[in-house]
Amino acid sequence: MKKIVTIFLAIAIAMSMTGCSVSDTIKTKLGFRNEDFEYIKEGNAKKIVIQSNRDKGFKFVLTDVAAIKQMYDILASGKEVGTKSTLEPDYIFEIYEKGGKVHKYNYIAGIDKNDGANFYGDDKSYIVSSRLDNDVLKHFSNIRKPKYFEEVYHGSIISTMKEDFAKAKSDNIQIGSVGVDISEDLSISKFILSTELVKLNELLRQEFKNAELAQEGKEYDTLVHVITEGYKTDVYKAKISITKDKKLKEHVYYVWCKNKSGAWETSITTEKPKDF
């Protein structure tokens, strides 16, 4: 025990005398830091492009020296691991070095460190701090994301399905397996993170038997297509189409959510409202 205390005391004295370099070296040896992003620290990264993986036109560029330094601090503190998360990436990072070399990485926002690497390229994978969400990506997502979006978006889908399925039951129409397809809802794809897709999938399974987010190539007895028509901080509009059998007519619903005095009011109609 005395030997261990002596070692830590020596480390503390060394750090106080030589500054961050010794501290960083110790962290690297202990696996709490990596040296793979030193080219950024050395000033060789001229810009960092961050792009939504679900909306290729939704991206922003970091060129500010302080912002790039902040990014370096987060990435250099990442722990290298051998296992990647199985979730689909939310963002693509491209770090442009002077001279034309581009380093490309995938990033999954909001996952726990036990779920595997959340930042990875072709060769190496890292678990990086949630500071990347808090310090950088929060500014990105807040550019156009409406307040309470997940609450309204998820609620609109669930409420419409409940209303339609109740009518189908009274008409003795079988629901069977249900696939909810939001893949073509391009105007909101930029807002949805992989962790949120997991939550929506869990919610669908809790509310309905045999319901899930539609998987590509899989067939379902009932298909629910969601297309967002418009949104603001206090208004959300969507067109939701439900088809239970290829022989049956598609049912189209118009969903209009309005926030009044802090509470959301949802209108679901089969006729398109005026001014929708």
C-alpha atoms as a PDB file:
ATOM      1  CA  MET A   1       0.000   0.000   0.000  1.00  0.00           C
ATOM      2  CA  LYS A   2       2.872   2.355   0.898  1.00  0.00           C
ATOM      3  CA  LYS A   3       4.481   1.628  -2.475  1.00  0.00           C
ATOM      4  CA  ILE A   4       1.261   2.531  -4.322  1.00  0.00           C
ATOM      5  CA  VAL A   5       0.956   5.808  -2.427  1.00  0.00           C
ATOM      6  CA  THR A   6       4.586   6.649  -3.259  1.00  0.00           C
ATOM      7  CA  ILE A   7       3.960   6.001  -6.974  1.00  0.00           C
ATOM      8  CA  PHE A   8       0.908   8.276  -7.061  1.00  0.00           C
ATOM      9  CA  LEU A   9       2.786  10.957  -5.136  1.00  0.00           C
ATOM     10  CA  ALA A  10       5.601  10.811  -7.660  1.00  0.00           C
ATOM     11  CA  ILE A  11       3.111  11.122 -10.514  1.00  0.00           C
ATOM     12  CA  ALA A  12       1.462  14.137  -8.867  1.00  0.00           C
ATOM     13  CA  ILE A  13       4.820  15.869  -8.369  1.00  0.00           C
ATOM     14  CA  ALA A  14       5.828  15.175 -11.987  1.00  0.00           C
ATOM     15  CA  MET A  15       2.573  16.584 -13.279  1.00  0.00           C
ATOM     16  CA  SER A  16       2.932  19.749 -11.231  1.00  0.00           C
ATOM     17  CA  MET A  17       6.448  20.255 -12.556  1.00  0.00           C
ATOM     18  CA  THR A  18       6.003  19.451 -16.238  1.00  0.00           C
ATOM     19  CA  GLY A  19       2.381  20.301 -16.928  1.00  0.00           C
ATOM     20  CA  CYS A  20      -0.121  18.593 -19.218  1.00  0.00           C
ATOM     21  CA  SER A  21       2.359  16.559 -21.273  1.00  0.00           C
ATOM     22  CA  VAL A  22       3.065  14.107 -18.447  1.00  0.00           C
ATOM     23  CA  SER A  23      -0.622  13.909 -17.556  1.00  0.00           C
ATOM     24  CA  ASP A  24      -1.533  13.142 -21.180  1.00  0.00           C
ATOM     25  CA  THR A  25       1.187  10.494 -21.411  1.00  0.00           C
ATOM     26  CA  ILE A  26      -0.113   8.728 -18.301  1.00  0.00           C
ATOM     27  CA  LYS A  27      -3.687   8.848 -19.596  1.00  0.00           C
ATOM     28  CA  THR A  28      -2.536   7.400 -22.916  1.00  0.00           C
ATOM     29  CA  LYS A  29      -0.710   4.520 -21.235  1.00  0.00           C
ATOM     30  CA  LEU A  30      -3.763   3.811 -19.068  1.00  0.00           C
ATOM     31  CA  GLY A  31      -6.025   3.776 -22.122  1.00  0.00           C
ATOM     32  CA  PHE A  32      -7.927   6.951 -21.206  1.00  0.00           C
ATOM     33  CA  ARG A  33      -6.508   8.946 -24.092  1.00  0.00           C
ATOM     34  CA  ASN A  34      -5.279   8.355 -27.635  1.00  0.00           C
ATOM     35  CA  GLU A  35      -2.756  10.050 -29.906  1.00  0.00           C
ATOM     36  CA  ASP A  36      -4.586   9.471 -33.199  1.00  0.00           C
ATOM     37  CA  PHE A  37      -5.805  13.056 -33.497  1.00  0.00           C
ATOM     38  CA  GLU A  38      -2.557  14.887 -32.801  1.00  0.00           C
ATOM     39  CA  TYR A  39      -2.575  16.332 -36.331  1.00  0.00           C
ATOM     40  CA  ILE A  40      -5.554  18.444 -35.210  1.00  0.00           C
ATOM     41  CA  LYS A  41      -3.648  19.748 -32.174  1.00  0.00           C
ATOM     42  CA  GLU A  42      -0.702  20.574 -34.393  1.00  0.00           C
ATOM     43  CA  GLY A  43      -2.901  22.892 -36.472  1.00  0.00           C
ATOM     44  CA  ASN A  44      -3.076  20.683 -39.537  1.00  0.00           C
ATOM     45  CA  ALA A  45      -6.862  20.379 -39.605  1.00  0.00           C
ATOM     46  CA  LYS A  46      -8.237  23.253 -41.666  1.00  0.00           C
ATOM     47  CA  LYS A  47     -11.911  22.309 -41.264  1.00  0.00           C
ATOM     48  CA  ILE A  48     -14.269  19.663 -39.892  1.00  0.00           C
ATOM     49  CA  VAL A  49     -17.466  18.883 -41.790  1.00  0.00           C
ATOM     50  CA  ILE A  50     -20.316  17.285 -39.804  1.00  0.00           C
ATOM     51  CA  GLN A  51     -23.197  15.883 -41.838  1.00  0.00           C
ATOM     52  CA  SER A  52     -26.450  14.132 -40.967  1.00  0.00           C
ATOM     53  CA  ASN A  53     -26.381  10.519 -42.122  1.00  0.00           C
ATOM     54  CA  ARG A  54     -30.127  10.628 -42.881  1.00  0.00           C
ATOM     55  CA  ASP A  55     -30.196  13.951 -44.716  1.00  0.00           C
ATOM     56  CA  LYS A  56     -27.105  14.488 -46.854  1.00  0.00           C
ATOM     57  CA  GLY A  57     -27.984  18.143 -47.370  1.00  0.00           C
ATOM     58  CA  PHE A  58     -28.043  18.900 -43.656  1.00  0.00           C
ATOM     59  CA  LYS A  59     -24.512  19.700 -42.527  1.00  0.00           C
ATOM     60  CA  PHE A  60     -22.293  22.369 -41.061  1.00  0.00           C
ATOM     61  CA  VAL A  61     -18.610  23.196 -41.235  1.00  0.00           C
ATOM     62  CA  LEU A  62     -16.250  23.981 -38.355  1.00  0.00           C
ATOM     63  CA  THR A  63     -13.417  26.326 -39.291  1.00  0.00           C
ATOM     64  CA  ASP A  64     -13.109  28.309 -36.070  1.00  0.00           C
ATOM     65  CA  VAL A  65      -9.794  27.524 -34.385  1.00  0.00           C
ATOM     66  CA  ALA A  66     -11.312  27.418 -30.879  1.00  0.00           C
ATOM     67  CA  ALA A  67     -14.118  25.082 -32.020  1.00  0.00           C
ATOM     68  CA  ILE A  68     -11.631  22.732 -33.698  1.00  0.00           C
ATOM     69  CA  LYS A  69      -9.485  22.762 -30.543  1.00  0.00           C
ATOM     70  CA  GLN A  70     -12.578  21.852 -28.532  1.00  0.00           C
ATOM     71  CA  MET A  71     -13.244  18.983 -30.933  1.00  0.00           C
ATOM     72  CA  TYR A  72      -9.652  17.788 -30.544  1.00  0.00           C
ATOM     73  CA  ASP A  73      -9.944  17.702 -26.748  1.00  0.00           C
ATOM     74  CA  ILE A  74     -13.028  15.497 -26.993  1.00  0.00           C
ATOM     75  CA  LEU A  75     -11.642  13.120 -29.623  1.00  0.00           C
ATOM     76  CA  ALA A  76      -8.203  12.794 -28.004  1.00  0.00           C
ATOM     77  CA  SER A  77      -9.905  11.784 -24.757  1.00  0.00           C
ATOM     78  CA  GLY A  78     -11.702   8.946 -26.547  1.00  0.00           C
ATOM     79  CA  LYS A  79     -10.918   5.393 -25.524  1.00  0.00           C
ATOM     80  CA  GLU A  80      -9.989   3.007 -28.322  1.00  0.00           C
ATOM     81  CA  VAL A  81     -12.082  -0.193 -28.281  1.00  0.00           C
ATOM     82  CA  GLY A  82     -12.547  -3.175 -30.550  1.00  0.00           C
ATOM     83  CA  THR A  83     -16.353  -3.338 -30.672  1.00  0.00           C
ATOM     84  CA  LYS A  84     -18.646  -0.927 -32.510  1.00  0.00           C
ATOM     85  CA  SER A  85     -22.233  -0.169 -31.610  1.00  0.00           C
ATOM     86  CA  THR A  86     -24.743  -1.991 -33.807  1.00  0.00           C
ATOM     87  CA  LEU A  87     -26.855   1.155 -34.240  1.00  0.00           C
ATOM     88  CA  GLU A  88     -26.867   3.062 -37.513  1.00  0.00           C
ATOM     89  CA  PRO A  89     -24.598   6.154 -37.443  1.00  0.00           C
ATOM     90  CA  ASP A  90     -26.316   9.516 -36.958  1.00  0.00           C
ATOM     91  CA  TYR A  91     -23.545  11.756 -38.266  1.00  0.00           C
ATOM     92  CA  ILE A  92     -20.555  11.597 -40.587  1.00  0.00           C
ATOM     93  CA  PHE A  93     -17.437  13.533 -39.584  1.00  0.00           C
ATOM     94  CA  GLU A  94     -14.889  14.530 -42.213  1.00  0.00           C
ATOM     95  CA  ILE A  95     -11.687  16.086 -40.900  1.00  0.00           C
ATOM     96  CA  TYR A  96      -9.770  17.888 -43.654  1.00  0.00           C
ATOM     97  CA  GLU A  97      -6.020  18.095 -43.221  1.00  0.00           C
ATOM     98  CA  LYS A  98      -3.862  20.655 -44.938  1.00  0.00           C
ATOM     99  CA  GLY A  99      -2.565  18.981 -48.067  1.00  0.00           C
ATOM    100  CA  GLY A 100      -5.880  17.395 -48.984  1.00  0.00           C
ATOM    101  CA  LYS A 101      -6.061  14.273 -46.779  1.00  0.00           C
ATOM    102  CA  VAL A 102      -9.543  13.581 -45.396  1.00  0.00           C
ATOM    103  CA  HIS A 103     -10.224  11.499 -42.289  1.00  0.00           C
ATOM    104  CA  LYS A 104     -13.772  10.102 -42.242  1.00  0.00           C
ATOM    105  CA  TYR A 105     -15.616   8.832 -39.158  1.00  0.00           C
ATOM    106  CA  ASN A 106     -19.118   7.731 -38.215  1.00  0.00           C
ATOM    107  CA  TYR A 107     -20.744   8.949 -35.013  1.00  0.00           C
ATOM    108  CA  ILE A 108     -23.711   7.645 -33.013  1.00  0.00           C
ATOM    109  CA  ALA A 109     -25.160  10.196 -30.621  1.00  0.00           C
ATOM    110  CA  GLY A 110     -26.495   9.560 -27.147  1.00  0.00           C
ATOM    111  CA  ILE A 111     -25.452   5.950 -26.541  1.00  0.00           C
ATOM    112  CA  ASP A 112     -24.048   4.484 -23.334  1.00  0.00           C
ATOM    113  CA  LYS A 113     -20.353   3.618 -23.188  1.00  0.00           C
ATOM    114  CA  ASN A 114     -21.269  -0.030 -22.632  1.00  0.00           C
ATOM    115  CA  ASP A 115     -22.934  -0.196 -26.059  1.00  0.00           C
ATOM    116  CA  GLY A 116     -19.629  -0.199 -27.944  1.00  0.00           C
ATOM    117  CA  ALA A 117     -17.772   2.439 -29.960  1.00  0.00           C
ATOM    118  CA  ASN A 118     -19.792   5.511 -30.886  1.00  0.00           C
ATOM    119  CA  PHE A 119     -17.088   7.136 -33.043  1.00  0.00           C
ATOM    120  CA  TYR A 120     -15.295   5.020 -35.618  1.00  0.00           C
ATOM    121  CA  GLY A 121     -13.560   4.974 -38.979  1.00  0.00           C
ATOM    122  CA  ASP A 122     -12.362   2.165 -41.218  1.00  0.00           C
ATOM    123  CA  ASP A 123      -9.404   1.254 -39.006  1.00  0.00           C
ATOM    124  CA  LYS A 124     -10.104   2.300 -35.426  1.00  0.00           C
ATOM    125  CA  SER A 125     -13.074   2.692 -33.093  1.00  0.00           C
ATOM    126  CA  TYR A 126     -13.468   4.889 -30.027  1.00  0.00           C
ATOM    127  CA  ILE A 127     -15.831   5.611 -27.174  1.00  0.00           C
ATOM    128  CA  VAL A 128     -15.927   9.399 -26.993  1.00  0.00           C
ATOM    129  CA  SER A 129     -17.447  11.577 -24.302  1.00  0.00           C
ATOM    130  CA  SER A 130     -21.057  12.780 -24.440  1.00  0.00           C
ATOM    131  CA  ARG A 131     -19.493  16.247 -24.511  1.00  0.00           C
ATOM    132  CA  LEU A 132     -19.553  15.779 -28.274  1.00  0.00           C
ATOM    133  CA  ASP A 133     -23.352  15.855 -28.016  1.00  0.00           C
ATOM    134  CA  ASN A 134     -23.482  18.650 -25.470  1.00  0.00           C
ATOM    135  CA  ASP A 135     -20.770  20.990 -26.734  1.00  0.00           C
ATOM    136  CA  VAL A 136     -21.006  20.526 -30.504  1.00  0.00           C
ATOM    137  CA  LEU A 137     -24.006  18.643 -31.849  1.00  0.00           C
ATOM    138  CA  LYS A 138     -26.571  20.378 -29.646  1.00  0.00           C
ATOM    139  CA  HIS A 139     -25.930  23.533 -31.636  1.00  0.00           C
ATOM    140  CA  PHE A 140     -26.325  21.549 -34.847  1.00  0.00           C
ATOM    141  CA  SER A 141     -29.644  19.914 -33.968  1.00  0.00           C
ATOM    142  CA  ASN A 142     -31.148  23.109 -32.590  1.00  0.00           C
ATOM    143  CA  ILE A 143     -30.735  24.962 -35.882  1.00  0.00           C
ATOM    144  CA  ARG A 144     -34.118  23.842 -37.170  1.00  0.00           C
ATOM    145  CA  LYS A 145     -35.469  21.235 -34.740  1.00  0.00           C
ATOM    146  CA  PRO A 146     -38.892  22.134 -33.277  1.00  0.00           C
ATOM    147  CA  LYS A 147     -39.399  22.044 -29.539  1.00  0.00           C
ATOM    148  CA  TYR A 148     -41.052  18.877 -28.183  1.00  0.00           C
ATOM    149  CA  PHE A 149     -40.611  17.279 -31.598  1.00  0.00           C
ATOM    150  CA  GLU A 150     -40.247  13.656 -30.427  1.00  0.00           C
ATOM    151  CA  GLU A 151     -43.263  13.953 -28.143  1.00  0.00           C
ATOM    152  CA  VAL A 152     -45.483  15.261 -30.944  1.00  0.00           C
ATOM    153  CA  TYR A 153     -44.061  13.054 -33.692  1.00  0.00           C
ATOM    154  CA  HIS A 154     -44.358   9.801 -31.753  1.00  0.00           C
ATOM    155  CA  GLY A 155     -47.728  10.779 -30.317  1.00  0.00           C
ATOM    156  CA  SER A 156     -49.164  11.579 -33.742  1.00  0.00           C
ATOM    157  CA  ILE A 157     -48.227   8.186 -35.134  1.00  0.00           C
ATOM    158  CA  ILE A 158     -49.530   6.251 -32.116  1.00  0.00           C
ATOM    159  CA  SER A 159     -52.826   8.189 -31.943  1.00  0.00           C
ATOM    160  CA  THR A 160     -53.540   7.745 -35.653  1.00  0.00           C
ATOM    161  CA  MET A 161     -52.811   4.029 -35.529  1.00  0.00           C
ATOM    162  CA  LYS A 162     -55.081   3.573 -32.500  1.00  0.00           C
ATOM    163  CA  GLU A 163     -57.953   5.380 -34.223  1.00  0.00           C
ATOM    164  CA  ASP A 164     -57.575   3.427 -37.463  1.00  0.00           C
ATOM    165  CA  PHE A 165     -57.122   0.023 -35.811  1.00  0.00           C
ATOM    166  CA  ALA A 166     -60.184   0.548 -33.595  1.00  0.00           C
ATOM    167  CA  LYS A 167     -62.311   1.136 -36.694  1.00  0.00           C
ATOM    168  CA  ALA A 168     -60.756  -1.868 -38.436  1.00  0.00           C
ATOM    169  CA  LYS A 169     -61.587  -4.063 -35.448  1.00  0.00           C
ATOM    170  CA  SER A 170     -65.231  -2.957 -35.518  1.00  0.00           C
ATOM    171  CA  ASP A 171     -65.323  -3.844 -39.229  1.00  0.00           C
ATOM    172  CA  ASN A 172     -63.710  -7.259 -38.566  1.00  0.00           C
ATOM    173  CA  ILE A 173     -60.604  -6.352 -40.574  1.00  0.00           C
ATOM    174  CA  GLN A 174     -57.426  -8.144 -39.509  1.00  0.00           C
ATOM    175  CA  ILE A 175     -54.413  -6.002 -38.614  1.00  0.00           C
ATOM    176  CA  GLY A 176     -51.726  -8.707 -38.520  1.00  0.00           C
ATOM    177  CA  SER A 177     -48.095  -7.621 -38.567  1.00  0.00           C
ATOM    178  CA  VAL A 178     -47.548  -3.871 -38.738  1.00  0.00           C
ATOM    179  CA  GLY A 179     -44.642  -1.973 -40.266  1.00  0.00           C
ATOM    180  CA  VAL A 180     -44.339   1.771 -39.654  1.00  0.00           C
ATOM    181  CA  ASP A 181     -42.362   3.321 -42.504  1.00  0.00           C
ATOM    182  CA  ILE A 182     -40.760   6.703 -41.824  1.00  0.00           C
ATOM    183  CA  SER A 183     -37.923   6.227 -44.324  1.00  0.00           C
ATOM    184  CA  GLU A 184     -39.495   8.655 -46.806  1.00  0.00           C
ATOM    185  CA  ASP A 185     -40.235  11.315 -44.188  1.00  0.00           C
ATOM    186  CA  LEU A 186     -37.256  13.292 -45.403  1.00  0.00           C
ATOM    187  CA  SER A 187     -38.082  16.654 -43.855  1.00  0.00           C
ATOM    188  CA  ILE A 188     -37.611  15.259 -40.334  1.00  0.00           C
ATOM    189  CA  SER A 189     -35.003  12.545 -40.958  1.00  0.00           C
ATOM    190  CA  LYS A 190     -32.259  14.951 -39.909  1.00  0.00           C
ATOM    191  CA  PHE A 191     -33.790  15.242 -36.438  1.00  0.00           C
ATOM    192  CA  ILE A 192     -34.078  11.543 -35.624  1.00  0.00           C
ATOM    193  CA  LEU A 193     -31.156   9.848 -33.889  1.00  0.00           C
ATOM    194  CA  SER A 194     -30.630   6.090 -33.793  1.00  0.00           C
ATOM    195  CA  THR A 195     -31.300   6.031 -30.051  1.00  0.00           C
ATOM    196  CA  GLU A 196     -34.641   7.761 -30.693  1.00  0.00           C
ATOM    197  CA  LEU A 197     -35.525   5.172 -33.342  1.00  0.00           C
ATOM    198  CA  VAL A 198     -34.947   2.485 -30.710  1.00  0.00           C
ATOM    199  CA  LYS A 199     -37.310   4.318 -28.334  1.00  0.00           C
ATOM    200  CA  LEU A 200     -39.979   4.678 -31.029  1.00  0.00           C
ATOM    201  CA  ASN A 201     -39.670   1.001 -31.889  1.00  0.00           C
ATOM    202  CA  GLU A 202     -40.086   0.058 -28.220  1.00  0.00           C
ATOM    203  CA  LEU A 203     -43.109   2.344 -27.933  1.00  0.00           C
ATOM    204  CA  LEU A 204     -44.757   0.741 -30.975  1.00  0.00           C
ATOM    205  CA  ARG A 205     -44.240  -2.733 -29.531  1.00  0.00           C
ATOM    206  CA  GLN A 206     -45.685  -1.635 -26.191  1.00  0.00           C
ATOM    207  CA  GLU A 207     -48.800  -0.121 -27.739  1.00  0.00           C
ATOM    208  CA  PHE A 208     -49.546  -2.654 -30.480  1.00  0.00           C
ATOM    209  CA  LYS A 209     -49.114  -6.357 -31.007  1.00  0.00           C
ATOM    210  CA  ASN A 210     -46.668  -7.207 -33.816  1.00  0.00           C
ATOM    211  CA  ALA A 211     -45.872  -3.555 -34.643  1.00  0.00           C
ATOM    212  CA  GLU A 212     -42.410  -2.203 -35.403  1.00  0.00           C
ATOM    213  CA  LEU A 213     -40.531   0.274 -37.554  1.00  0.00           C
ATOM    214  CA  ALA A 214     -40.578  -1.169 -41.058  1.00  0.00           C
ATOM    215  CA  GLN A 215     -37.449  -3.073 -42.021  1.00  0.00           C
ATOM    216  CA  GLU A 216     -36.263  -2.916 -45.614  1.00  0.00           C
ATOM    217  CA  GLY A 217     -37.190  -6.048 -47.556  1.00  0.00           C
ATOM    218  CA  LYS A 218     -39.606  -7.344 -44.905  1.00  0.00           C
ATOM    219  CA  GLU A 219     -43.309  -7.759 -45.726  1.00  0.00           C
ATOM    220  CA  TYR A 220     -46.128  -6.691 -43.399  1.00  0.00           C
ATOM    221  CA  ASP A 221     -49.876  -7.231 -43.322  1.00  0.00           C
ATOM    222  CA  THR A 222     -50.396  -3.559 -42.490  1.00  0.00           C
ATOM    223  CA  LEU A 223     -48.190  -0.680 -43.622  1.00  0.00           C
ATOM    224  CA  VAL A 224     -48.186   2.773 -42.042  1.00  0.00           C
ATOM    225  CA  HIS A 225     -46.511   5.542 -44.066  1.00  0.00           C
ATOM    226  CA  VAL A 226     -45.685   8.825 -42.330  1.00  0.00           C
ATOM    227  CA  ILE A 227     -44.962  12.069 -44.180  1.00  0.00           C
ATOM    228  CA  THR A 228     -44.494  15.340 -42.300  1.00  0.00           C
ATOM    229  CA  GLU A 229     -46.235  18.221 -44.076  1.00  0.00           C
ATOM    230  CA  GLY A 230     -45.004  21.071 -41.903  1.00  0.00           C
ATOM    231  CA  TYR A 231     -43.857  22.076 -38.444  1.00  0.00           C
ATOM    232  CA  LYS A 232     -43.069  25.036 -36.226  1.00  0.00           C
ATOM    233  CA  THR A 233     -42.429  25.329 -32.506  1.00  0.00           C
ATOM    234  CA  ASP A 234     -46.139  25.190 -31.731  1.00  0.00           C
ATOM    235  CA  VAL A 235     -47.575  23.408 -34.814  1.00  0.00           C
ATOM    236  CA  TYR A 236     -47.029  20.014 -36.424  1.00  0.00           C
ATOM    237  CA  LYS A 237     -48.781  18.618 -39.539  1.00  0.00           C
ATOM    238  CA  ALA A 238     -48.503  15.151 -41.041  1.00  0.00           C
ATOM    239  CA  LYS A 239     -50.141  12.904 -43.612  1.00  0.00           C
ATOM    240  CA  ILE A 240     -50.339   9.292 -42.432  1.00  0.00           C
ATOM    241  CA  SER A 241     -51.433   6.567 -44.848  1.00  0.00           C
ATOM    242  CA  ILE A 242     -52.437   3.093 -43.627  1.00  0.00           C
ATOM    243  CA  THR A 243     -52.904   0.078 -45.896  1.00  0.00           C
ATOM    244  CA  LYS A 244     -54.010  -3.227 -44.340  1.00  0.00           C
ATOM    245  CA  ASP A 245     -54.244  -5.360 -47.439  1.00  0.00           C
ATOM    246  CA  LYS A 246     -53.209  -4.788 -51.039  1.00  0.00           C
ATOM    247  CA  LYS A 247     -56.824  -5.433 -52.015  1.00  0.00           C
ATOM    248  CA  LEU A 248     -58.204  -2.857 -49.588  1.00  0.00           C
ATOM    249  CA  LYS A 249     -58.330   0.896 -50.086  1.00  0.00           C
ATOM    250  CA  GLU A 250     -55.595   2.945 -48.490  1.00  0.00           C
ATOM    251  CA  HIS A 251     -56.785   5.091 -45.575  1.00  0.00           C
ATOM    252  CA  VAL A 252     -55.296   8.584 -45.448  1.00  0.00           C
ATOM    253  CA  TYR A 253     -55.309  10.687 -42.275  1.00  0.00           C
ATOM    254  CA  TYR A 254     -54.412  14.317 -41.801  1.00  0.00           C
ATOM    255  CA  VAL A 255     -52.848  15.044 -38.434  1.00  0.00           C
ATOM    256  CA  TRP A 256     -52.722  18.594 -37.118  1.00  0.00           C
ATOM    257  CA  CYS A 257     -51.130  19.235 -33.710  1.00  0.00           C
ATOM    258  CA  LYS A 258     -51.272  22.646 -32.057  1.00  0.00           C
ATOM    259  CA  ASN A 259     -49.729  23.765 -28.797  1.00  0.00           C
ATOM    260  CA  LYS A 260     -52.130  25.895 -26.786  1.00  0.00           C
ATOM    261  CA  SER A 261     -51.072  27.237 -23.391  1.00  0.00           C
ATOM    262  CA  GLY A 262     -48.408  24.544 -23.065  1.00  0.00           C
ATOM    263  CA  ALA A 263     -50.677  21.612 -23.972  1.00  0.00           C
ATOM    264  CA  TRP A 264     -50.799  19.837 -27.325  1.00  0.00           C
ATOM    265  CA  GLU A 265     -54.144  19.397 -29.058  1.00  0.00           C
ATOM    266  CA  THR A 266     -54.268  16.832 -31.866  1.00  0.00           C
ATOM    267  CA  SER A 267     -56.824  16.710 -34.666  1.00  0.00           C
ATOM    268  CA  ILE A 268     -56.987  13.578 -36.872  1.00  0.00           C
ATOM    269  CA  THR A 269     -59.303  13.735 -39.904  1.00  0.00           C
ATOM    270  CA  THR A 270     -59.841  11.789 -43.126  1.00  0.00           C
ATOM    271  CA  GLU A 271     -60.539  15.001 -45.032  1.00  0.00           C
ATOM    272  CA  LYS A 272     -57.802  17.513 -45.627  1.00  0.00           C
ATOM    273  CA  PRO A 273     -58.481  20.543 -43.406  1.00  0.00           C
ATOM    274  CA  LYS A 274     -58.600  24.031 -44.806  1.00  0.00           C
ATOM    275  CA  ASP A 275     -55.216  25.789 -44.607  1.00  0.00           C
ATOM    276  CA  PHE A 276     -53.493  22.458 -43.858  1.00  0.00           C
END
